[in-house]
C-alpha atoms as a PDB file:
ATOM      1  CA  UNK A   1     -31.466-144.278 -22.749  1.00  0.00           C
ATOM      2  CA  UNK A   2     -30.854-142.039 -25.775  1.00  0.00           C
ATOM      3  CA  UNK A   3     -29.704-143.644 -29.014  1.00  0.00           C
ATOM      4  CA  UNK A   4     -26.754-141.582 -30.264  1.00  0.00           C
ATOM      5  CA  UNK A   5     -24.943-142.096 -33.534  1.00  0.00           C
ATOM      6  CA  UNK A   6     -21.185-142.325 -33.783  1.00  0.00           C
ATOM      7  CA  UNK A   7     -19.028-139.267 -34.376  1.00  0.00           C
ATOM      8  CA  UNK A   8     -17.775-139.440 -37.987  1.00  0.00           C
ATOM      9  CA  UNK A   9     -14.103-138.508 -38.137  1.00  0.00           C
ATOM     10  CA  UNK A  10     -11.725-137.675 -40.969  1.00  0.00           C
ATOM     11  CA  UNK A  11      -7.957-137.959 -40.664  1.00  0.00           C
ATOM     12  CA  UNK A  12      -5.780-135.866 -42.990  1.00  0.00           C
ATOM     13  CA  UNK A  13      -2.256-137.243 -43.097  1.00  0.00           C
ATOM     14  CA  UNK A  14      -3.129-140.696 -41.769  1.00  0.00           C
ATOM     15  CA  UNK A  15       0.005-142.357 -43.143  1.00  0.00           C
ATOM     16  CA  UNK A  16       2.353-140.562 -40.743  1.00  0.00           C
ATOM     17  CA  UNK A  17       3.079-141.680 -37.202  1.00  0.00           C
ATOM     18  CA  UNK A  18       0.577-139.333 -35.524  1.00  0.00           C
ATOM     19  CA  UNK A  19      -2.170-140.074 -38.038  1.00  0.00           C
ATOM     20  CA  UNK A  20      -1.719-143.834 -37.822  1.00  0.00           C
ATOM     21  CA  UNK A  21      -1.749-143.767 -34.016  1.00  0.00           C
ATOM     22  CA  UNK A  22      -4.893-141.612 -34.058  1.00  0.00           C
ATOM     23  CA  UNK A  23      -6.571-144.035 -36.476  1.00  0.00           C
ATOM     24  CA  UNK A  24      -5.699-146.976 -34.233  1.00  0.00           C
ATOM     25  CA  UNK A  25      -7.109-145.252 -31.139  1.00  0.00           C
ATOM     26  CA  UNK A  26     -10.281-144.089 -32.908  1.00  0.00           C
ATOM     27  CA  UNK A  27     -10.849-147.520 -34.455  1.00  0.00           C
ATOM     28  CA  UNK A  28     -11.192-148.916 -30.928  1.00  0.00           C
ATOM     29  CA  UNK A  29     -13.438-146.131 -29.643  1.00  0.00           C
ATOM     30  CA  UNK A  30     -17.082-147.203 -29.369  1.00  0.00           C
ATOM     31  CA  UNK A  31     -18.473-143.760 -30.292  1.00  0.00           C
ATOM     32  CA  UNK A  32     -16.153-143.056 -33.242  1.00  0.00           C
ATOM     33  CA  UNK A  33     -16.396-143.974 -36.900  1.00  0.00           C
ATOM     34  CA  UNK A  34     -13.534-143.123 -39.256  1.00  0.00           C
ATOM     35  CA  UNK A  35     -15.179-141.554 -42.310  1.00  0.00           C
ATOM     36  CA  UNK A  36     -11.965-141.137 -44.299  1.00  0.00           C
ATOM     37  CA  UNK A  37      -8.192-141.190 -44.027  1.00  0.00           C
ATOM     38  CA  UNK A  38      -5.972-139.301 -46.456  1.00  0.00           C
ATOM     39  CA  UNK A  39      -2.401-139.610 -47.649  1.00  0.00           C
ATOM     40  CA  UNK A  40      -0.732-137.980 -50.618  1.00  0.00           C
ATOM     41  CA  UNK A  41       2.163-140.465 -50.705  1.00  0.00           C
ATOM     42  CA  UNK A  42       0.241-143.700 -50.121  1.00  0.00           C
ATOM     43  CA  UNK A  43      -3.169-143.036 -51.690  1.00  0.00           C
ATOM     44  CA  UNK A  44      -4.854-146.240 -52.799  1.00  0.00           C
ATOM     45  CA  UNK A  45      -3.050-148.366 -50.223  1.00  0.00           C
ATOM     46  CA  UNK A  46      -4.313-149.683 -46.921  1.00  0.00           C
ATOM     47  CA  UNK A  47      -3.066-148.042 -43.741  1.00  0.00           C
ATOM     48  CA  UNK A  48      -2.512-151.569 -42.398  1.00  0.00           C
ATOM     49  CA  UNK A  49      -0.005-152.258 -45.194  1.00  0.00           C
ATOM     50  CA  UNK A  50       2.143-149.475 -43.675  1.00  0.00           C
ATOM     51  CA  UNK A  51       1.471-150.212 -39.992  1.00  0.00           C
ATOM     52  CA  UNK A  52       0.421-153.814 -39.231  1.00  0.00           C
ATOM     53  CA  UNK A  53      -1.473-152.853 -36.056  1.00  0.00           C
ATOM     54  CA  UNK A  54      -3.432-150.032 -37.735  1.00  0.00           C
ATOM     55  CA  UNK A  55      -6.984-150.454 -39.028  1.00  0.00           C
ATOM     56  CA  UNK A  56      -7.449-151.564 -42.634  1.00  0.00           C
ATOM     57  CA  UNK A  57      -8.460-148.131 -43.952  1.00  0.00           C
ATOM     58  CA  UNK A  58      -8.068-147.260 -47.609  1.00  0.00           C
ATOM     59  CA  UNK A  59      -5.975-144.125 -47.870  1.00  0.00           C
ATOM     60  CA  UNK A  60      -7.318-141.493 -50.256  1.00  0.00           C
ATOM     61  CA  UNK A  61      -5.879-138.317 -51.727  1.00  0.00           C
ATOM     62  CA  UNK A  62      -7.324-135.286 -49.922  1.00  0.00           C
ATOM     63  CA  UNK A  63      -8.665-133.988 -53.241  1.00  0.00           C
ATOM     64  CA  UNK A  64     -10.975-137.031 -53.506  1.00  0.00           C
ATOM     65  CA  UNK A  65     -12.548-136.666 -50.059  1.00  0.00           C
ATOM     66  CA  UNK A  66     -16.095-135.454 -49.537  1.00  0.00           C
ATOM     67  CA  UNK A  67     -15.526-133.255 -46.479  1.00  0.00           C
ATOM     68  CA  UNK A  68     -19.210-133.332 -45.553  1.00  0.00           C
ATOM     69  CA  UNK A  69     -19.016-137.000 -44.603  1.00  0.00           C
ATOM     70  CA  UNK A  70     -17.125-136.116 -41.387  1.00  0.00           C
ATOM     71  CA  UNK A  71     -18.336-134.332 -38.276  1.00  0.00           C
ATOM     72  CA  UNK A  72     -14.768-133.452 -37.317  1.00  0.00           C
ATOM     73  CA  UNK A  73     -11.431-133.618 -39.154  1.00  0.00           C
ATOM     74  CA  UNK A  74      -8.030-134.099 -37.539  1.00  0.00           C
ATOM     75  CA  UNK A  75      -5.032-132.695 -39.406  1.00  0.00           C
ATOM     76  CA  UNK A  76      -1.957-134.858 -38.794  1.00  0.00           C
ATOM     77  CA  UNK A  77       0.426-133.222 -41.208  1.00  0.00           C
ATOM     78  CA  UNK A  78       4.070-132.295 -40.655  1.00  0.00           C
ATOM     79  CA  UNK A  79       4.761-129.013 -38.900  1.00  0.00           C
ATOM     80  CA  UNK A  80       3.573-126.017 -40.994  1.00  0.00           C
ATOM     81  CA  UNK A  81       2.377-128.219 -43.887  1.00  0.00           C
ATOM     82  CA  UNK A  82      -1.296-127.435 -43.238  1.00  0.00           C
ATOM     83  CA  UNK A  83      -0.584-123.700 -43.344  1.00  0.00           C
ATOM     84  CA  UNK A  84       0.643-123.959 -46.917  1.00  0.00           C
ATOM     85  CA  UNK A  85      -2.759-125.002 -48.258  1.00  0.00           C
END
């Protein structure tokens, strides 16, 4: 059997409903590792402090993230917000 490493995942906009649900699903996935979770409004707080069933991820501002630490990044921002940047 091959030994495969986990997929490292970043979540931009993790403090919203979609981002928090994605984080909860990925936290339970055996082949996923959440590399970072961002929030502009709640940076420095734990995602669990916002959503009690969410994983205890420290939310970071997107400007502080090292993008190379993720294999894939999900953008969970409000409609058209990602297009502005």
